[in-house]
Amino acid sequence: MPTKARARQRVDWAFAELVQGRAIPHVVTDLTQRWGIKRRQAQRDVRAAYLQLVEEVNAVGDREALLAQAVVSLQQATQAALKAGQAAWVVGCIRQLDDLLGLGINHPGRPAPPNQYGRR
């Protein structure tokens, strides 16, 4: 198979993995093992896949649908973390939801929390 075709297949595979929510370092490691390439080349391929993903996300006109999908994914991850007894994962998911939705007290427009003496 020609080199450019193989490179395109690797980038497409990495793109599919990133879309499924896999972490970049894991995709790089799997790419090196699956395709028998050096780590640096795998990093280049994953970078190309990541840039493709960013372009597609930015091209989406319906950001509300994308936000809803992210919220559902984080809620499912929170439930899975609760079932697995992983408190740190739960906290991480909740923090991500807070950052995504801006519901927490640390966001602009929210009053500051009282300090240790109960004064603002």
PDB file of N, CA and C in Angstrom:
ATOM      1  N   MET A   1       0.853  -1.176   0.000  1.00  0.00           N
ATOM      2  CA  MET A   1       0.000   0.000   0.000  1.00  0.00           C
ATOM      3  C   MET A   1       0.899   1.241   0.000  1.00  0.00           C
ATOM      4  N   PRO A   2       0.571   2.241  -0.794  1.00  0.00           N
ATOM      5  CA  PRO A   2       1.389   3.453  -0.833  1.00  0.00           C
ATOM      6  C   PRO A   2       1.454   4.145   0.532  1.00  0.00           C
ATOM      7  N   THR A   3       2.545   4.851   0.757  1.00  0.00           N
ATOM      8  CA  THR A   3       2.797   5.483   2.045  1.00  0.00           C
ATOM      9  C   THR A   3       1.725   6.516   2.395  1.00  0.00           C
ATOM     10  N   LYS A   4       1.329   7.346   1.416  1.00  0.00           N
ATOM     11  CA  LYS A   4       0.320   8.371   1.695  1.00  0.00           C
ATOM     12  C   LYS A   4      -1.015   7.751   2.071  1.00  0.00           C
ATOM     13  N   ALA A   5      -1.367   6.650   1.445  1.00  0.00           N
ATOM     14  CA  ALA A   5      -2.627   5.969   1.769  1.00  0.00           C
ATOM     15  C   ALA A   5      -2.574   5.396   3.184  1.00  0.00           C
ATOM     16  N   ARG A   6      -1.428   4.823   3.552  1.00  0.00           N
ATOM     17  CA  ARG A   6      -1.277   4.303   4.918  1.00  0.00           C
ATOM     18  C   ARG A   6      -1.337   5.430   5.935  1.00  0.00           C
ATOM     19  N   ALA A   7      -0.696   6.554   5.624  1.00  0.00           N
ATOM     20  CA  ALA A   7      -0.719   7.699   6.537  1.00  0.00           C
ATOM     21  C   ALA A   7      -2.151   8.196   6.718  1.00  0.00           C
ATOM     22  N   ARG A   8      -2.911   8.252   5.626  1.00  0.00           N
ATOM     23  CA  ARG A   8      -4.308   8.701   5.711  1.00  0.00           C
ATOM     24  C   ARG A   8      -5.125   7.725   6.563  1.00  0.00           C
ATOM     25  N   GLN A   9      -4.868   6.430   6.414  1.00  0.00           N
ATOM     26  CA  GLN A   9      -5.571   5.429   7.223  1.00  0.00           C
ATOM     27  C   GLN A   9      -5.242   5.598   8.705  1.00  0.00           C
ATOM     28  N   ARG A  10      -3.981   5.871   9.008  1.00  0.00           N
ATOM     29  CA  ARG A  10      -3.591   6.066  10.409  1.00  0.00           C
ATOM     30  C   ARG A  10      -4.270   7.296  11.006  1.00  0.00           C
ATOM     31  N   VAL A  11      -4.288   8.385  10.241  1.00  0.00           N
ATOM     32  CA  VAL A  11      -4.928   9.613  10.719  1.00  0.00           C
ATOM     33  C   VAL A  11      -6.426   9.382  10.899  1.00  0.00           C
ATOM     34  N   ASP A  12      -7.051   8.682   9.968  1.00  0.00           N
ATOM     35  CA  ASP A  12      -8.481   8.380  10.090  1.00  0.00           C
ATOM     36  C   ASP A  12      -8.761   7.515  11.316  1.00  0.00           C
ATOM     37  N   TRP A  13      -7.888   6.539  11.558  1.00  0.00           N
ATOM     38  CA  TRP A  13      -8.061   5.681  12.730  1.00  0.00           C
ATOM     39  C   TRP A  13      -7.920   6.499  14.004  1.00  0.00           C
ATOM     40  N   ALA A  14      -6.891   7.359  14.054  1.00  0.00           N
ATOM     41  CA  ALA A  14      -6.680   8.210  15.232  1.00  0.00           C
ATOM     42  C   ALA A  14      -7.863   9.162  15.422  1.00  0.00           C
ATOM     43  N   PHE A  15      -8.390   9.686  14.333  1.00  0.00           N
ATOM     44  CA  PHE A  15      -9.549  10.581  14.411  1.00  0.00           C
ATOM     45  C   PHE A  15     -10.740   9.854  15.037  1.00  0.00           C
ATOM     46  N   ALA A  16     -10.985   8.639  14.600  1.00  0.00           N
ATOM     47  CA  ALA A  16     -12.102   7.858  15.141  1.00  0.00           C
ATOM     48  C   ALA A  16     -11.914   7.604  16.631  1.00  0.00           C
ATOM     49  N   GLU A  17     -10.686   7.346  17.040  1.00  0.00           N
ATOM     50  CA  GLU A  17     -10.412   7.115  18.460  1.00  0.00           C
ATOM     51  C   GLU A  17     -10.633   8.390  19.274  1.00  0.00           C
ATOM     52  N   LEU A  18     -10.197   9.525  18.749  1.00  0.00           N
ATOM     53  CA  LEU A  18     -10.384  10.790  19.453  1.00  0.00           C
ATOM     54  C   LEU A  18     -11.864  11.158  19.557  1.00  0.00           C
ATOM     55  N   VAL A  19     -12.616  10.866  18.513  1.00  0.00           N
ATOM     56  CA  VAL A  19     -14.053  11.143  18.538  1.00  0.00           C
ATOM     57  C   VAL A  19     -14.738  10.325  19.629  1.00  0.00           C
ATOM     58  N   GLN A  20     -14.236   9.135  19.883  1.00  0.00           N
ATOM     59  CA  GLN A  20     -14.803   8.287  20.931  1.00  0.00           C
ATOM     60  C   GLN A  20     -14.385   8.738  22.329  1.00  0.00           C
ATOM     61  N   GLY A  21     -13.536   9.764  22.395  1.00  0.00           N
ATOM     62  CA  GLY A  21     -13.160  10.313  23.689  1.00  0.00           C
ATOM     63  C   GLY A  21     -11.905   9.729  24.303  1.00  0.00           C
ATOM     64  N   ARG A  22     -11.135   8.993  23.526  1.00  0.00           N
ATOM     65  CA  ARG A  22      -9.896   8.417  24.071  1.00  0.00           C
ATOM     66  C   ARG A  22      -8.863   9.505  24.272  1.00  0.00           C
ATOM     67  N   ALA A  23      -8.034   9.341  25.268  1.00  0.00           N
ATOM     68  CA  ALA A  23      -6.988  10.309  25.585  1.00  0.00           C
ATOM     69  C   ALA A  23      -5.891  10.258  24.517  1.00  0.00           C
ATOM     70  N   ILE A  24      -5.331  11.414  24.233  1.00  0.00           N
ATOM     71  CA  ILE A  24      -4.306  11.522  23.195  1.00  0.00           C
ATOM     72  C   ILE A  24      -3.110  10.601  23.462  1.00  0.00           C
ATOM     73  N   PRO A  25      -2.560  10.557  24.677  1.00  0.00           N
ATOM     74  CA  PRO A  25      -1.413   9.655  24.892  1.00  0.00           C
ATOM     75  C   PRO A  25      -1.743   8.184  24.621  1.00  0.00           C
ATOM     76  N   HIS A  26      -2.971   7.784  24.940  1.00  0.00           N
ATOM     77  CA  HIS A  26      -3.360   6.388  24.674  1.00  0.00           C
ATOM     78  C   HIS A  26      -3.478   6.125  23.183  1.00  0.00           C
ATOM     79  N   VAL A  27      -3.995   7.099  22.457  1.00  0.00           N
ATOM     80  CA  VAL A  27      -4.111   6.936  21.001  1.00  0.00           C
ATOM     81  C   VAL A  27      -2.723   6.847  20.383  1.00  0.00           C
ATOM     82  N   VAL A  28      -1.792   7.665  20.857  1.00  0.00           N
ATOM     83  CA  VAL A  28      -0.420   7.624  20.333  1.00  0.00           C
ATOM     84  C   VAL A  28       0.195   6.253  20.595  1.00  0.00           C
ATOM     85  N   THR A  29       0.055   5.751  21.803  1.00  0.00           N
ATOM     86  CA  THR A  29       0.623   4.445  22.152  1.00  0.00           C
ATOM     87  C   THR A  29       0.003   3.335  21.303  1.00  0.00           C
ATOM     88  N   ASP A  30      -1.313   3.350  21.172  1.00  0.00           N
ATOM     89  CA  ASP A  30      -1.978   2.324  20.365  1.00  0.00           C
ATOM     90  C   ASP A  30      -1.584   2.419  18.900  1.00  0.00           C
ATOM     91  N   LEU A  31      -1.394   3.631  18.416  1.00  0.00           N
ATOM     92  CA  LEU A  31      -0.993   3.818  17.022  1.00  0.00           C
ATOM     93  C   LEU A  31       0.383   3.217  16.773  1.00  0.00           C
ATOM     94  N   THR A  32       1.306   3.410  17.708  1.00  0.00           N
ATOM     95  CA  THR A  32       2.645   2.834  17.529  1.00  0.00           C
ATOM     96  C   THR A  32       2.589   1.311  17.548  1.00  0.00           C
ATOM     97  N   GLN A  33       1.769   0.753  18.421  1.00  0.00           N
ATOM     98  CA  GLN A  33       1.686  -0.699  18.521  1.00  0.00           C
ATOM     99  C   GLN A  33       0.914  -1.309  17.353  1.00  0.00           C
ATOM    100  N   ARG A  34      -0.180  -0.688  16.985  1.00  0.00           N
ATOM    101  CA  ARG A  34      -1.043  -1.242  15.938  1.00  0.00           C
ATOM    102  C   ARG A  34      -0.417  -1.144  14.559  1.00  0.00           C
ATOM    103  N   TRP A  35       0.241  -0.022  14.265  1.00  0.00           N
ATOM    104  CA  TRP A  35       0.752   0.230  12.922  1.00  0.00           C
ATOM    105  C   TRP A  35       2.258   0.021  12.817  1.00  0.00           C
ATOM    106  N   GLY A  36       2.935  -0.200  13.948  1.00  0.00           N
ATOM    107  CA  GLY A  36       4.371  -0.453  13.907  1.00  0.00           C
ATOM    108  C   GLY A  36       5.188   0.758  13.471  1.00  0.00           C
ATOM    109  N   ILE A  37       4.768   1.940  13.913  1.00  0.00           N
ATOM    110  CA  ILE A  37       5.495   3.154  13.550  1.00  0.00           C
ATOM    111  C   ILE A  37       6.175   3.716  14.798  1.00  0.00           C
ATOM    112  N   LYS A  38       7.080   4.653  14.579  1.00  0.00           N
ATOM    113  CA  LYS A  38       7.772   5.278  15.701  1.00  0.00           C
ATOM    114  C   LYS A  38       6.837   6.241  16.420  1.00  0.00           C
ATOM    115  N   ARG A  39       7.150   6.484  17.673  1.00  0.00           N
ATOM    116  CA  ARG A  39       6.301   7.333  18.516  1.00  0.00           C
ATOM    117  C   ARG A  39       6.155   8.740  17.934  1.00  0.00           C
ATOM    118  N   ARG A  40       7.225   9.301  17.408  1.00  0.00           N
ATOM    119  CA  ARG A  40       7.167  10.655  16.851  1.00  0.00           C
ATOM    120  C   ARG A  40       6.197  10.717  15.664  1.00  0.00           C
ATOM    121  N   GLN A  41       6.221   9.695  14.821  1.00  0.00           N
ATOM    122  CA  GLN A  41       5.289   9.671  13.686  1.00  0.00           C
ATOM    123  C   GLN A  41       3.857   9.523  14.177  1.00  0.00           C
ATOM    124  N   ALA A  42       3.666   8.713  15.204  1.00  0.00           N
ATOM    125  CA  ALA A  42       2.328   8.554  15.773  1.00  0.00           C
ATOM    126  C   ALA A  42       1.836   9.879  16.344  1.00  0.00           C
ATOM    127  N   GLN A  43       2.729  10.639  16.975  1.00  0.00           N
ATOM    128  CA  GLN A  43       2.341  11.951  17.500  1.00  0.00           C
ATOM    129  C   GLN A  43       1.926  12.894  16.375  1.00  0.00           C
ATOM    130  N   ARG A  44       2.642  12.850  15.262  1.00  0.00           N
ATOM    131  CA  ARG A  44       2.268  13.680  14.103  1.00  0.00           C
ATOM    132  C   ARG A  44       0.895  13.283  13.570  1.00  0.00           C
ATOM    133  N   ASP A  45       0.657  11.981  13.470  1.00  0.00           N
ATOM    134  CA  ASP A  45      -0.632  11.506  12.962  1.00  0.00           C
ATOM    135  C   ASP A  45      -1.777  11.906  13.892  1.00  0.00           C
ATOM    136  N   VAL A  46      -1.554  11.778  15.190  1.00  0.00           N
ATOM    137  CA  VAL A  46      -2.601  12.136  16.154  1.00  0.00           C
ATOM    138  C   VAL A  46      -2.829  13.646  16.135  1.00  0.00           C
ATOM    139  N   ARG A  47      -1.766  14.409  15.957  1.00  0.00           N
ATOM    140  CA  ARG A  47      -1.921  15.858  15.863  1.00  0.00           C
ATOM    141  C   ARG A  47      -2.779  16.221  14.651  1.00  0.00           C
ATOM    142  N   ALA A  48      -2.520  15.574  13.515  1.00  0.00           N
ATOM    143  CA  ALA A  48      -3.326  15.830  12.318  1.00  0.00           C
ATOM    144  C   ALA A  48      -4.791  15.449  12.566  1.00  0.00           C
ATOM    145  N   ALA A  49      -5.009  14.336  13.250  1.00  0.00           N
ATOM    146  CA  ALA A  49      -6.377  13.903  13.563  1.00  0.00           C
ATOM    147  C   ALA A  49      -7.048  14.885  14.519  1.00  0.00           C
ATOM    148  N   TYR A  50      -6.293  15.374  15.500  1.00  0.00           N
ATOM    149  CA  TYR A  50      -6.827  16.337  16.457  1.00  0.00           C
ATOM    150  C   TYR A  50      -7.218  17.642  15.758  1.00  0.00           C
ATOM    151  N   LEU A  51      -6.359  18.129  14.863  1.00  0.00           N
ATOM    152  CA  LEU A  51      -6.678  19.354  14.123  1.00  0.00           C
ATOM    153  C   LEU A  51      -7.916  19.166  13.258  1.00  0.00           C
ATOM    154  N   GLN A  52      -8.064  17.991  12.683  1.00  0.00           N
ATOM    155  CA  GLN A  52      -9.263  17.671  11.900  1.00  0.00           C
ATOM    156  C   GLN A  52     -10.500  17.695  12.800  1.00  0.00           C
ATOM    157  N   LEU A  53     -10.365  17.141  13.989  1.00  0.00           N
ATOM    158  CA  LEU A  53     -11.473  17.128  14.945  1.00  0.00           C
ATOM    159  C   LEU A  53     -11.852  18.553  15.349  1.00  0.00           C
ATOM    160  N   VAL A  54     -10.863  19.389  15.622  1.00  0.00           N
ATOM    161  CA  VAL A  54     -11.125  20.780  16.002  1.00  0.00           C
ATOM    162  C   VAL A  54     -11.843  21.514  14.872  1.00  0.00           C
ATOM    163  N   GLU A  55     -11.403  21.304  13.643  1.00  0.00           N
ATOM    164  CA  GLU A  55     -12.057  21.942  12.488  1.00  0.00           C
ATOM    165  C   GLU A  55     -13.513  21.521  12.390  1.00  0.00           C
ATOM    166  N   GLU A  56     -13.774  20.244  12.587  1.00  0.00           N
ATOM    167  CA  GLU A  56     -15.148  19.762  12.482  1.00  0.00           C
ATOM    168  C   GLU A  56     -16.027  20.294  13.606  1.00  0.00           C
ATOM    169  N   VAL A  57     -15.460  20.378  14.800  1.00  0.00           N
ATOM    170  CA  VAL A  57     -16.224  20.917  15.927  1.00  0.00           C
ATOM    171  C   VAL A  57     -16.543  22.389  15.689  1.00  0.00           C
ATOM    172  N   ASN A  58     -15.559  23.139  15.191  1.00  0.00           N
ATOM    173  CA  ASN A  58     -15.768  24.557  14.923  1.00  0.00           C
ATOM    174  C   ASN A  58     -16.750  24.780  13.780  1.00  0.00           C
ATOM    175  N   ALA A  59     -16.853  23.812  12.890  1.00  0.00           N
ATOM    176  CA  ALA A  59     -17.767  23.946  11.762  1.00  0.00           C
ATOM    177  C   ALA A  59     -19.217  23.637  12.138  1.00  0.00           C
ATOM    178  N   VAL A  60     -19.409  23.013  13.286  1.00  0.00           N
ATOM    179  CA  VAL A  60     -20.758  22.657  13.719  1.00  0.00           C
ATOM    180  C   VAL A  60     -21.520  23.931  14.039  1.00  0.00           C
ATOM    181  N   GLY A  61     -22.649  24.111  13.410  1.00  0.00           N
ATOM    182  CA  GLY A  61     -23.447  25.291  13.648  1.00  0.00           C
ATOM    183  C   GLY A  61     -24.277  25.174  14.912  1.00  0.00           C
ATOM    184  N   ASP A  62     -24.604  23.969  15.285  1.00  0.00           N
ATOM    185  CA  ASP A  62     -25.478  23.749  16.429  1.00  0.00           C
ATOM    186  C   ASP A  62     -24.653  23.431  17.667  1.00  0.00           C
ATOM    187  N   ARG A  63     -24.123  24.462  18.285  1.00  0.00           N
ATOM    188  CA  ARG A  63     -23.288  24.274  19.471  1.00  0.00           C
ATOM    189  C   ARG A  63     -24.101  23.771  20.654  1.00  0.00           C
ATOM    190  N   GLU A  64     -25.390  24.078  20.693  1.00  0.00           N
ATOM    191  CA  GLU A  64     -26.227  23.608  21.797  1.00  0.00           C
ATOM    192  C   GLU A  64     -26.323  22.086  21.789  1.00  0.00           C
ATOM    193  N   ALA A  65     -26.437  21.502  20.606  1.00  0.00           N
ATOM    194  CA  ALA A  65     -26.489  20.043  20.512  1.00  0.00           C
ATOM    195  C   ALA A  65     -25.166  19.435  20.954  1.00  0.00           C
ATOM    196  N   LEU A  66     -24.071  20.074  20.582  1.00  0.00           N
ATOM    197  CA  LEU A  66     -22.754  19.594  20.979  1.00  0.00           C
ATOM    198  C   LEU A  66     -22.590  19.692  22.493  1.00  0.00           C
ATOM    199  N   LEU A  67     -23.065  20.780  23.077  1.00  0.00           N
ATOM    200  CA  LEU A  67     -23.014  20.952  24.527  1.00  0.00           C
ATOM    201  C   LEU A  67     -23.856  19.886  25.226  1.00  0.00           C
ATOM    202  N   ALA A  68     -25.034  19.640  24.700  1.00  0.00           N
ATOM    203  CA  ALA A  68     -25.909  18.622  25.291  1.00  0.00           C
ATOM    204  C   ALA A  68     -25.248  17.245  25.244  1.00  0.00           C
ATOM    205  N   GLN A  69     -24.590  16.941  24.147  1.00  0.00           N
ATOM    206  CA  GLN A  69     -23.910  15.650  24.022  1.00  0.00           C
ATOM    207  C   GLN A  69     -22.775  15.545  25.042  1.00  0.00           C
ATOM    208  N   ALA A  70     -22.039  16.630  25.233  1.00  0.00           N
ATOM    209  CA  ALA A  70     -20.949  16.628  26.212  1.00  0.00           C
ATOM    210  C   ALA A  70     -21.487  16.448  27.633  1.00  0.00           C
ATOM    211  N   VAL A  71     -22.603  17.101  27.931  1.00  0.00           N
ATOM    212  CA  VAL A  71     -23.203  16.978  29.258  1.00  0.00           C
ATOM    213  C   VAL A  71     -23.643  15.539  29.510  1.00  0.00           C
ATOM    214  N   VAL A  72     -24.294  14.941  28.528  1.00  0.00           N
ATOM    215  CA  VAL A  72     -24.744  13.551  28.674  1.00  0.00           C
ATOM    216  C   VAL A  72     -23.552  12.619  28.878  1.00  0.00           C
ATOM    217  N   SER A  73     -22.486  12.833  28.125  1.00  0.00           N
ATOM    218  CA  SER A  73     -21.290  11.993  28.273  1.00  0.00           C
ATOM    219  C   SER A  73     -20.694  12.123  29.671  1.00  0.00           C
ATOM    220  N   LEU A  74     -20.633  13.359  30.175  1.00  0.00           N
ATOM    221  CA  LEU A  74     -20.091  13.558  31.525  1.00  0.00           C
ATOM    222  C   LEU A  74     -21.005  12.959  32.589  1.00  0.00           C
ATOM    223  N   GLN A  75     -22.296  13.034  32.390  1.00  0.00           N
ATOM    224  CA  GLN A  75     -23.219  12.423  33.347  1.00  0.00           C
ATOM    225  C   GLN A  75     -23.060  10.905  33.356  1.00  0.00           C
ATOM    226  N   GLN A  76     -22.896  10.316  32.178  1.00  0.00           N
ATOM    227  CA  GLN A  76     -22.699   8.870  32.100  1.00  0.00           C
ATOM    228  C   GLN A  76     -21.369   8.477  32.754  1.00  0.00           C
ATOM    229  N   ALA A  77     -20.345   9.289  32.527  1.00  0.00           N
ATOM    230  CA  ALA A  77     -19.043   9.011  33.146  1.00  0.00           C
ATOM    231  C   ALA A  77     -19.138   9.115  34.662  1.00  0.00           C
ATOM    232  N   THR A  78     -19.914  10.071  35.148  1.00  0.00           N
ATOM    233  CA  THR A  78     -20.098  10.225  36.594  1.00  0.00           C
ATOM    234  C   THR A  78     -20.778   8.988  37.172  1.00  0.00           C
ATOM    235  N   GLN A  79     -21.808   8.499  36.507  1.00  0.00           N
ATOM    236  CA  GLN A  79     -22.504   7.300  36.975  1.00  0.00           C
ATOM    237  C   GLN A  79     -21.570   6.088  36.978  1.00  0.00           C
ATOM    238  N   ALA A  80     -20.782   5.947  35.924  1.00  0.00           N
ATOM    239  CA  ALA A  80     -19.840   4.823  35.861  1.00  0.00           C
ATOM    240  C   ALA A  80     -18.804   4.930  36.978  1.00  0.00           C
ATOM    241  N   ALA A  81     -18.341   6.151  37.260  1.00  0.00           N
ATOM    242  CA  ALA A  81     -17.362   6.349  38.333  1.00  0.00           C
ATOM    243  C   ALA A  81     -17.969   6.027  39.697  1.00  0.00           C
ATOM    244  N   LEU A  82     -19.227   6.399  39.893  1.00  0.00           N
ATOM    245  CA  LEU A  82     -19.905   6.069  41.152  1.00  0.00           C
ATOM    246  C   LEU A  82     -20.011   4.564  41.340  1.00  0.00           C
ATOM    247  N   LYS A  83     -20.400   3.873  40.266  1.00  0.00           N
ATOM    248  CA  LYS A  83     -20.526   2.416  40.349  1.00  0.00           C
ATOM    249  C   LYS A  83     -19.185   1.749  40.620  1.00  0.00           C
ATOM    250  N   ALA A  84     -18.112   2.349  40.061  1.00  0.00           N
ATOM    251  CA  ALA A  84     -16.770   1.773  40.245  1.00  0.00           C
ATOM    252  C   ALA A  84     -16.147   2.183  41.569  1.00  0.00           C
ATOM    253  N   GLY A  85     -16.820   3.070  42.294  1.00  0.00           N
ATOM    254  CA  GLY A  85     -16.285   3.518  43.578  1.00  0.00           C
ATOM    255  C   GLY A  85     -15.085   4.438  43.445  1.00  0.00           C
ATOM    256  N   GLN A  86     -14.997   5.151  42.346  1.00  0.00           N
ATOM    257  CA  GLN A  86     -13.869   6.040  42.083  1.00  0.00           C
ATOM    258  C   GLN A  86     -14.252   7.487  42.380  1.00  0.00           C
ATOM    259  N   ALA A  87     -14.048   7.890  43.617  1.00  0.00           N
ATOM    260  CA  ALA A  87     -14.447   9.233  44.049  1.00  0.00           C
ATOM    261  C   ALA A  87     -13.713  10.327  43.276  1.00  0.00           C
ATOM    262  N   ALA A  88     -12.445  10.126  42.977  1.00  0.00           N
ATOM    263  CA  ALA A  88     -11.680  11.147  42.244  1.00  0.00           C
ATOM    264  C   ALA A  88     -12.251  11.356  40.844  1.00  0.00           C
ATOM    265  N   TRP A  89     -12.689  10.282  40.212  1.00  0.00           N
ATOM    266  CA  TRP A  89     -13.302  10.401  38.885  1.00  0.00           C
ATOM    267  C   TRP A  89     -14.600  11.187  38.966  1.00  0.00           C
ATOM    268  N   VAL A  90     -15.369  10.911  40.010  1.00  0.00           N
ATOM    269  CA  VAL A  90     -16.640  11.624  40.195  1.00  0.00           C
ATOM    270  C   VAL A  90     -16.371  13.114  40.336  1.00  0.00           C
ATOM    271  N   VAL A  91     -15.411  13.466  41.174  1.00  0.00           N
ATOM    272  CA  VAL A  91     -15.075  14.882  41.377  1.00  0.00           C
ATOM    273  C   VAL A  91     -14.620  15.509  40.058  1.00  0.00           C
ATOM    274  N   GLY A  92     -13.808  14.796  39.310  1.00  0.00           N
ATOM    275  CA  GLY A  92     -13.344  15.311  38.022  1.00  0.00           C
ATOM    276  C   GLY A  92     -14.483  15.553  37.057  1.00  0.00           C
ATOM    277  N   CYS A  93     -15.419  14.620  36.991  1.00  0.00           N
ATOM    278  CA  CYS A  93     -16.579  14.785  36.101  1.00  0.00           C
ATOM    279  C   CYS A  93     -17.434  15.975  36.527  1.00  0.00           C
ATOM    280  N   ILE A  94     -17.647  16.108  37.824  1.00  0.00           N
ATOM    281  CA  ILE A  94     -18.452  17.222  38.327  1.00  0.00           C
ATOM    282  C   ILE A  94     -17.764  18.546  38.031  1.00  0.00           C
ATOM    283  N   ARG A  95     -16.452  18.590  38.200  1.00  0.00           N
ATOM    284  CA  ARG A  95     -15.719  19.819  37.876  1.00  0.00           C
ATOM    285  C   ARG A  95     -15.828  20.161  36.398  1.00  0.00           C
ATOM    286  N   GLN A  96     -15.747  19.152  35.548  1.00  0.00           N
ATOM    287  CA  GLN A  96     -15.886  19.397  34.115  1.00  0.00           C
ATOM    288  C   GLN A  96     -17.285  19.922  33.784  1.00  0.00           C
ATOM    289  N   LEU A  97     -18.300  19.333  34.413  1.00  0.00           N
ATOM    290  CA  LEU A  97     -19.667  19.828  34.204  1.00  0.00           C
ATOM    291  C   LEU A  97     -19.782  21.278  34.672  1.00  0.00           C
ATOM    292  N   ASP A  98     -19.187  21.580  35.803  1.00  0.00           N
ATOM    293  CA  ASP A  98     -19.212  22.941  36.332  1.00  0.00           C
ATOM    294  C   ASP A  98     -18.547  23.904  35.351  1.00  0.00           C
ATOM    295  N   ASP A  99     -17.381  23.539  34.843  1.00  0.00           N
ATOM    296  CA  ASP A  99     -16.679  24.402  33.886  1.00  0.00           C
ATOM    297  C   ASP A  99     -17.474  24.558  32.593  1.00  0.00           C
ATOM    298  N   LEU A 100     -18.064  23.468  32.152  1.00  0.00           N
ATOM    299  CA  LEU A 100     -18.803  23.473  30.895  1.00  0.00           C
ATOM    300  C   LEU A 100     -20.067  24.320  30.971  1.00  0.00           C
ATOM    301  N   LEU A 101     -20.762  24.213  32.085  1.00  0.00           N
ATOM    302  CA  LEU A 101     -22.057  24.880  32.216  1.00  0.00           C
ATOM    303  C   LEU A 101     -22.001  26.201  32.985  1.00  0.00           C
ATOM    304  N   GLY A 102     -20.922  26.427  33.713  1.00  0.00           N
ATOM    305  CA  GLY A 102     -20.794  27.661  34.468  1.00  0.00           C
ATOM    306  C   GLY A 102     -21.774  27.780  35.608  1.00  0.00           C
ATOM    307  N   LEU A 103     -22.067  26.681  36.264  1.00  0.00           N
ATOM    308  CA  LEU A 103     -23.057  26.680  37.328  1.00  0.00           C
ATOM    309  C   LEU A 103     -22.469  26.941  38.704  1.00  0.00           C
ATOM    310  N   GLY A 104     -21.193  26.756  38.854  1.00  0.00           N
ATOM    311  CA  GLY A 104     -20.573  26.834  40.173  1.00  0.00           C
ATOM    312  C   GLY A 104     -20.384  28.248  40.673  1.00  0.00           C
ATOM    313  N   ILE A 105     -19.982  28.341  41.888  1.00  0.00           N
ATOM    314  CA  ILE A 105     -19.836  29.627  42.556  1.00  0.00           C
ATOM    315  C   ILE A 105     -18.604  30.390  42.066  1.00  0.00           C
ATOM    316  N   ASN A 106     -17.683  29.722  41.428  1.00  0.00           N
ATOM    317  CA  ASN A 106     -16.445  30.359  40.990  1.00  0.00           C
ATOM    318  C   ASN A 106     -16.524  30.984  39.602  1.00  0.00           C
ATOM    319  N   HIS A 107     -17.712  31.125  39.077  1.00  0.00           N
ATOM    320  CA  HIS A 107     -17.862  31.678  37.733  1.00  0.00           C
ATOM    321  C   HIS A 107     -18.287  33.135  37.789  1.00  0.00           C
ATOM    322  N   PRO A 108     -17.934  33.909  36.768  1.00  0.00           N
ATOM    323  CA  PRO A 108     -18.312  35.320  36.746  1.00  0.00           C
ATOM    324  C   PRO A 108     -19.823  35.495  36.905  1.00  0.00           C
ATOM    325  N   GLY A 109     -20.203  36.517  37.637  1.00  0.00           N
ATOM    326  CA  GLY A 109     -21.613  36.785  37.854  1.00  0.00           C
ATOM    327  C   GLY A 109     -22.160  36.135  39.102  1.00  0.00           C
ATOM    328  N   ARG A 110     -21.391  35.262  39.691  1.00  0.00           N
ATOM    329  CA  ARG A 110     -21.809  34.603  40.926  1.00  0.00           C
ATOM    330  C   ARG A 110     -21.196  35.341  42.113  1.00  0.00           C
ATOM    331  N   PRO A 111     -21.901  35.421  43.224  1.00  0.00           N
ATOM    332  CA  PRO A 111     -21.299  36.067  44.393  1.00  0.00           C
ATOM    333  C   PRO A 111     -20.137  35.242  44.929  1.00  0.00           C
ATOM    334  N   ALA A 112     -19.173  35.923  45.499  1.00  0.00           N
ATOM    335  CA  ALA A 112     -18.015  35.234  46.076  1.00  0.00           C
ATOM    336  C   ALA A 112     -18.456  34.453  47.318  1.00  0.00           C
ATOM    337  N   PRO A 113     -17.842  33.306  47.564  1.00  0.00           N
ATOM    338  CA  PRO A 113     -18.197  32.546  48.758  1.00  0.00           C
ATOM    339  C   PRO A 113     -17.710  33.275  49.998  1.00  0.00           C
ATOM    340  N   PRO A 114     -18.370  33.057  51.118  1.00  0.00           N
ATOM    341  CA  PRO A 114     -17.884  33.692  52.349  1.00  0.00           C
ATOM    342  C   PRO A 114     -16.522  33.116  52.712  1.00  0.00           C
ATOM    343  N   ASN A 115     -15.708  33.947  53.374  1.00  0.00           N
ATOM    344  CA  ASN A 115     -14.402  33.441  53.787  1.00  0.00           C
ATOM    345  C   ASN A 115     -14.561  32.592  55.041  1.00  0.00           C
ATOM    346  N   GLN A 116     -13.468  32.230  55.659  1.00  0.00           N
ATOM    347  CA  GLN A 116     -13.532  31.302  56.779  1.00  0.00           C
ATOM    348  C   GLN A 116     -14.261  31.884  57.994  1.00  0.00           C
ATOM    349  N   TYR A 117     -14.410  33.203  58.026  1.00  0.00           N
ATOM    350  CA  TYR A 117     -15.102  33.819  59.146  1.00  0.00           C
ATOM    351  C   TYR A 117     -16.566  34.139  58.841  1.00  0.00           C
ATOM    352  N   GLY A 118     -17.022  33.745  57.654  1.00  0.00           N
ATOM    353  CA  GLY A 118     -18.413  33.933  57.311  1.00  0.00           C
ATOM    354  C   GLY A 118     -18.748  35.295  56.743  1.00  0.00           C
ATOM    355  N   ARG A 119     -17.720  36.143  56.508  1.00  0.00           N
ATOM    356  CA  ARG A 119     -17.953  37.465  55.905  1.00  0.00           C
ATOM    357  C   ARG A 119     -17.641  37.417  54.422  1.00  0.00           C
ATOM    358  N   ARG A 120     -18.257  38.309  53.702  1.00  0.00           N
ATOM    359  CA  ARG A 120     -17.975  38.397  52.264  1.00  0.00           C
ATOM    360  C   ARG A 120     -16.976  39.481  51.984  1.00  0.00           C
TER     361      ARG A 120
END
